[in-house]
Amino acid sequence: MADGRKSCLTGKGVTKVFGFGRTKTVAVDNVDFDFKEGEVISIVGESGSGKTTLAKMLLGLISVTEGDIYFQGEQRDISSHRKRKAYWTQIQAIFQDPFASYNIFNKIDSVLLDCIKMRGGGRLPYEQKVEMMTEACSFVNLKFAELTNKYPFELSGGQQQRLMIARIFLLKPKVLIADEPTSMIDACSRATILDMLMNLRNEVGMTPIFITHDIGLAYYVSDTVYIMEKGKFVESGSADSVILNPQQPYTKRLLNDVPKIYEEWDLSTV
């Protein structure tokens, strides 16, 4: 799927160490990766495997202890606030908890107007900005006219998650990191959110990277899957090869942990 595509995000020996001496924790341990433009990637692992730490390094929210990250073929430079801000116009995130993703003092209008400003549309006529916000909300089945002058906390969790996607629609980043984006919403809304993210990928040609413990979701959405255990990538490849023909014991265990409706559930290990 990714053959012939340009590299979007590449990492060589990427490592993150927290603490020193006896309290030292190696959260991400010398990982290599090469994510291609337009490819759908999933990084799968249990809680504590290092996947969210890696996501934060990719976003530039925490520093890299060792190794290098390359963005669109060039070594990433986020050494100043201005350079970091420019990087964030190209790479954005949707997090697990939509409630924690908004400033409670900012109205929805302000949230969306900030996105337009970030993309260089700060001086556009207000009527044009309203059109853009209306289109973005419509893309995620929300009505801007019903949201204006409201605060994000007045929305349901599913609506807040859809508003996050509306933000991404306005920002049109090259890369979207989705960290457990559907874990707090019901099954019906989950499928809707995933379809919206896939439509967004087709609409603006971005590269989605899913950070998840859900190997079923990874198989459903991904071109390429990376399996992460204790800070290392233990297996990677196409979704079919990794999930239908796993080689590593850890991957096999993750698959065995998925309950199957047609089999008696083994709760002895719980």
Protein backbone atom coordinates (compact mmCIF):
# COMPACT_ATOMS: atom_id res chain seq x y z
CA MET A 1 0.00 0.00 0.00
CA ALA A 2 2.78 2.43 0.91
CA ASP A 3 5.09 1.47 -1.99
CA GLY A 4 6.23 4.43 -4.05
CA ARG A 5 5.01 6.97 -1.52
CA LYS A 6 7.26 9.62 0.00
CA SER A 7 8.36 9.35 3.60
CA CYS A 8 6.30 11.51 5.92
CA LEU A 9 7.70 10.80 9.39
CA THR A 10 10.87 8.79 9.92
CA GLY A 11 12.64 7.85 13.14
CA LYS A 12 16.11 6.44 13.70
CA GLY A 13 17.05 5.07 17.12
CA VAL A 14 14.34 7.14 18.83
CA THR A 15 14.64 6.74 22.61
CA LYS A 16 13.01 8.35 25.64
CA VAL A 17 14.41 7.91 29.15
CA PHE A 18 12.70 9.31 32.24
CA GLY A 19 14.61 9.78 35.50
CA PHE A 20 18.20 8.90 36.42
CA GLY A 21 20.16 6.13 38.07
CA ARG A 22 18.06 3.60 39.94
CA THR A 23 14.81 5.43 39.12
CA LYS A 24 15.55 5.48 35.38
CA THR A 25 12.75 4.26 33.10
CA VAL A 26 13.30 3.61 29.39
CA ALA A 27 9.83 4.37 28.00
CA VAL A 28 10.79 4.16 24.30
CA ASP A 29 13.82 2.03 23.47
CA ASN A 30 15.73 2.67 20.23
CA VAL A 31 12.85 2.41 17.73
CA ASP A 32 13.06 2.87 13.97
CA PHE A 33 10.08 3.66 11.74
CA ASP A 34 9.22 5.06 8.34
CA PHE A 35 5.66 6.31 7.91
CA LYS A 36 4.64 7.06 4.30
CA GLU A 37 2.39 9.87 3.07
CA GLY A 38 -1.28 8.84 2.97
CA GLU A 39 -0.60 5.53 4.69
CA VAL A 40 -2.85 4.52 7.61
CA ILE A 41 -0.64 3.40 10.50
CA SER A 42 -1.50 1.82 13.84
CA ILE A 43 0.86 1.52 16.79
CA VAL A 44 -0.57 -1.20 19.02
CA GLY A 45 0.39 -2.11 22.57
CA GLU A 46 -0.89 -2.52 26.08
CA SER A 47 -0.96 0.29 28.61
CA GLY A 48 2.62 1.15 29.55
CA SER A 49 4.12 -0.15 26.30
CA GLY A 50 5.46 3.31 25.38
CA LYS A 51 3.09 4.10 22.52
CA THR A 52 1.69 7.36 23.99
CA THR A 53 5.21 8.52 24.92
CA LEU A 54 6.24 7.95 21.31
CA ALA A 55 3.18 9.90 20.12
CA LYS A 56 4.14 12.85 22.34
CA MET A 57 7.68 12.80 20.91
CA LEU A 58 6.29 12.77 17.36
CA LEU A 59 4.15 15.78 18.27
CA GLY A 60 7.10 17.60 19.84
CA LEU A 61 5.38 17.76 23.24
CA ILE A 62 8.28 15.98 24.98
CA SER A 63 11.94 15.88 24.04
CA VAL A 64 13.78 12.95 22.46
CA THR A 65 16.54 11.56 24.70
CA GLU A 66 18.42 9.91 21.82
CA GLY A 67 17.88 9.40 18.11
CA ASP A 68 16.50 11.55 15.30
CA ILE A 69 13.07 12.29 13.85
CA TYR A 70 12.74 13.37 10.22
CA PHE A 71 9.68 15.16 8.81
CA GLN A 72 9.11 15.04 5.05
CA GLY A 73 12.68 13.90 4.47
CA GLU A 74 14.43 16.57 6.56
CA GLN A 75 15.61 16.42 10.14
CA ARG A 76 12.92 17.96 12.32
CA ASP A 77 13.79 21.32 13.85
CA ILE A 78 11.48 22.52 16.65
CA SER A 79 14.18 24.39 18.53
CA SER A 80 12.23 27.67 18.82
CA HIS A 81 8.61 28.56 19.56
CA ARG A 82 8.13 29.84 16.01
CA LYS A 83 9.48 26.62 14.46
CA ARG A 84 7.39 24.48 16.81
CA LYS A 85 4.25 26.43 15.88
CA ALA A 86 5.00 25.97 12.17
CA TYR A 87 5.47 22.23 12.78
CA TRP A 88 2.10 22.07 14.54
CA THR A 89 0.33 23.43 11.46
CA GLN A 90 1.53 20.19 9.77
CA ILE A 91 0.98 17.68 12.58
CA GLN A 92 -2.00 17.56 14.90
CA ALA A 93 -3.60 15.16 17.39
CA ILE A 94 -6.91 13.87 18.68
CA PHE A 95 -6.62 12.57 22.23
CA GLN A 96 -8.46 9.92 24.21
CA ASP A 97 -10.21 12.36 26.54
CA PRO A 98 -12.10 15.07 24.61
CA PHE A 99 -13.08 16.77 27.90
CA ALA A 100 -9.42 17.56 28.64
CA SER A 101 -8.69 18.80 25.12
CA TYR A 102 -10.45 22.17 25.36
CA ASN A 103 -9.86 25.33 27.35
CA ILE A 104 -13.06 25.58 29.42
CA PHE A 105 -13.04 29.40 29.08
CA ASN A 106 -13.07 29.37 25.25
CA LYS A 107 -16.31 29.16 23.32
CA ILE A 108 -16.64 26.84 20.31
CA ASP A 109 -16.43 29.84 17.94
CA SER A 110 -13.04 30.73 19.43
CA VAL A 111 -11.80 27.12 19.13
CA LEU A 112 -12.61 27.02 15.41
CA LEU A 113 -11.47 30.61 14.67
CA ASP A 114 -8.06 29.76 16.19
CA CYS A 115 -7.73 26.97 13.61
CA ILE A 116 -8.51 29.36 10.74
CA LYS A 117 -5.97 31.84 12.12
CA MET A 118 -3.35 29.10 12.48
CA ARG A 119 -3.77 28.27 8.78
CA GLY A 120 -3.17 31.91 7.85
CA GLY A 121 -6.80 32.97 7.49
CA GLY A 122 -6.88 35.46 10.35
CA ARG A 123 -7.61 38.45 8.06
CA LEU A 124 -10.42 36.84 6.06
CA PRO A 125 -13.86 38.52 6.25
CA TYR A 126 -15.88 37.19 9.18
CA GLU A 127 -18.64 35.96 6.83
CA GLN A 128 -16.09 33.77 5.04
CA LYS A 129 -14.86 32.41 8.37
CA VAL A 130 -18.45 31.52 9.31
CA GLU A 131 -18.78 29.65 5.99
CA MET A 132 -15.58 27.71 6.73
CA MET A 133 -16.71 26.85 10.28
CA THR A 134 -20.15 25.82 9.00
CA GLU A 135 -18.56 23.53 6.40
CA ALA A 136 -16.22 21.97 8.97
CA CYS A 137 -19.09 21.29 11.39
CA SER A 138 -21.26 19.93 8.59
CA PHE A 139 -18.44 17.49 7.68
CA VAL A 140 -18.83 15.89 11.14
CA ASN A 141 -22.65 16.08 11.20
CA LEU A 142 -22.83 19.09 13.54
CA LYS A 143 -24.65 22.38 12.88
CA PHE A 144 -22.50 25.45 13.53
CA ALA A 145 -25.62 27.60 14.01
CA GLU A 146 -26.54 25.41 17.01
CA LEU A 147 -23.00 25.52 18.47
CA THR A 148 -22.20 29.21 18.21
CA ASN A 149 -21.78 30.94 21.59
CA LYS A 150 -21.72 27.58 23.38
CA TYR A 151 -18.82 26.09 25.35
CA PRO A 152 -17.38 22.63 24.52
CA PHE A 153 -18.39 21.30 27.95
CA GLU A 154 -22.03 21.82 26.97
CA LEU A 155 -21.65 19.08 24.35
CA SER A 156 -21.73 15.30 24.82
CA GLY A 157 -18.50 13.28 24.64
CA GLY A 158 -19.30 12.13 21.11
CA GLN A 159 -20.05 15.70 19.98
CA GLN A 160 -16.80 16.93 21.53
CA GLN A 161 -14.88 14.21 19.69
CA ARG A 162 -16.58 15.25 16.42
CA LEU A 163 -15.70 18.89 17.13
CA MET A 164 -12.06 17.77 17.42
CA ILE A 165 -12.33 16.33 13.90
CA ALA A 166 -13.92 19.58 12.67
CA ARG A 167 -10.79 21.34 13.97
CA ILE A 168 -8.63 18.96 11.95
CA PHE A 169 -10.79 19.61 8.86
CA LEU A 170 -9.98 23.34 9.19
CA LEU A 171 -6.28 22.82 9.97
CA LYS A 172 -5.69 20.23 7.21
CA PRO A 173 -2.45 18.86 8.71
CA LYS A 174 -0.12 16.46 6.89
CA VAL A 175 -0.15 14.06 9.87
CA LEU A 176 -2.87 13.27 12.40
CA ILE A 177 -2.01 11.34 15.55
CA ALA A 178 -5.16 9.75 17.00
CA ASP A 179 -4.47 8.49 20.52
CA GLU A 180 -7.30 6.09 21.49
CA PRO A 181 -9.77 8.43 19.74
CA THR A 182 -12.82 6.19 20.18
CA SER A 183 -12.26 4.62 23.59
CA MET A 184 -14.68 6.90 25.48
CA ILE A 185 -17.66 6.66 23.13
CA ASP A 186 -20.28 4.04 22.33
CA ALA A 187 -19.93 1.48 19.54
CA CYS A 188 -22.27 3.30 17.12
CA SER A 189 -20.43 6.63 17.54
CA ARG A 190 -17.09 4.80 17.32
CA ALA A 191 -17.80 3.55 13.79
CA THR A 192 -18.99 7.05 12.81
CA ILE A 193 -15.80 8.69 14.15
CA LEU A 194 -13.58 6.18 12.32
CA ASP A 195 -15.46 6.76 9.06
CA MET A 196 -15.06 10.53 9.53
CA LEU A 197 -11.33 10.16 10.06
CA MET A 198 -11.02 8.00 6.94
CA ASN A 199 -13.06 10.52 4.93
CA LEU A 200 -10.81 13.28 6.25
CA ARG A 201 -7.75 11.33 5.16
CA ASN A 202 -9.21 11.06 1.63
CA GLU A 203 -10.36 14.72 1.66
CA VAL A 204 -7.07 16.37 2.63
CA GLY A 205 -4.54 13.57 1.89
CA MET A 206 -3.19 13.35 5.42
CA THR A 207 -1.40 10.47 7.15
CA PRO A 208 -3.35 9.12 10.16
CA ILE A 209 -1.42 7.38 12.95
CA PHE A 210 -3.63 5.49 15.41
CA ILE A 211 -2.24 4.87 18.89
CA THR A 212 -4.31 2.04 20.33
CA HIS A 213 -4.51 -1.11 22.45
CA ASP A 214 -7.33 -2.36 20.20
CA ILE A 215 -5.82 -4.80 17.71
CA GLY A 216 -9.23 -5.23 16.05
CA LEU A 217 -9.42 -1.50 15.29
CA ALA A 218 -5.84 -1.64 13.97
CA TYR A 219 -6.76 -4.44 11.56
CA TYR A 220 -9.93 -2.65 10.45
CA VAL A 221 -8.32 0.72 9.59
CA SER A 222 -4.61 0.16 8.91
CA ASP A 223 -2.28 -0.36 5.99
CA THR A 224 0.68 -0.90 8.32
CA VAL A 225 0.76 -2.07 11.95
CA TYR A 226 3.56 -1.69 14.51
CA ILE A 227 3.32 -3.85 17.64
CA MET A 228 4.95 -2.23 20.69
CA GLU A 229 6.07 -4.03 23.85
CA LYS A 230 8.12 -2.50 26.68
CA GLY A 231 9.27 0.44 24.55
CA LYS A 232 10.30 -1.60 21.49
CA PHE A 233 8.68 -2.47 18.18
CA VAL A 234 8.59 -6.27 18.31
CA GLU A 235 6.74 -6.75 15.01
CA SER A 236 5.66 -4.63 12.06
CA GLY A 237 4.31 -5.02 8.57
CA SER A 238 1.05 -4.95 6.64
CA ALA A 239 -2.11 -5.37 8.71
CA ASP A 240 -2.78 -8.74 7.06
CA SER A 241 0.71 -10.12 7.67
CA VAL A 242 0.96 -8.97 11.31
CA ILE A 243 -2.56 -9.85 12.44
CA LEU A 244 -3.40 -12.89 10.28
CA ASN A 245 0.09 -14.40 10.49
CA PRO A 246 1.73 -13.10 13.70
CA GLN A 247 5.31 -14.18 14.42
CA GLN A 248 5.93 -12.85 17.93
CA PRO A 249 4.48 -14.34 21.16
CA TYR A 250 3.38 -10.86 22.32
CA THR A 251 1.35 -10.26 19.13
CA LYS A 252 -0.24 -13.71 19.49
CA ARG A 253 -1.17 -12.91 23.09
CA LEU A 254 -2.78 -9.60 22.09
CA LEU A 255 -4.84 -11.48 19.51
CA ASN A 256 -5.80 -14.20 22.00
CA ASP A 257 -7.01 -11.48 24.41
CA VAL A 258 -9.69 -10.37 21.92
CA PRO A 259 -12.96 -12.10 22.98
CA LYS A 260 -14.60 -14.11 20.17
CA ILE A 261 -18.38 -14.41 20.15
CA TYR A 262 -18.34 -17.96 18.76
CA GLU A 263 -15.88 -19.30 21.37
CA GLU A 264 -16.25 -19.87 25.09
CA TRP A 265 -14.42 -17.04 26.84
CA ASP A 266 -11.45 -18.12 28.91
CA LEU A 267 -11.54 -15.96 32.07
CA SER A 268 -8.96 -18.04 33.96
CA THR A 269 -6.20 -15.56 33.17
CA VAL A 270 -8.17 -12.54 34.41
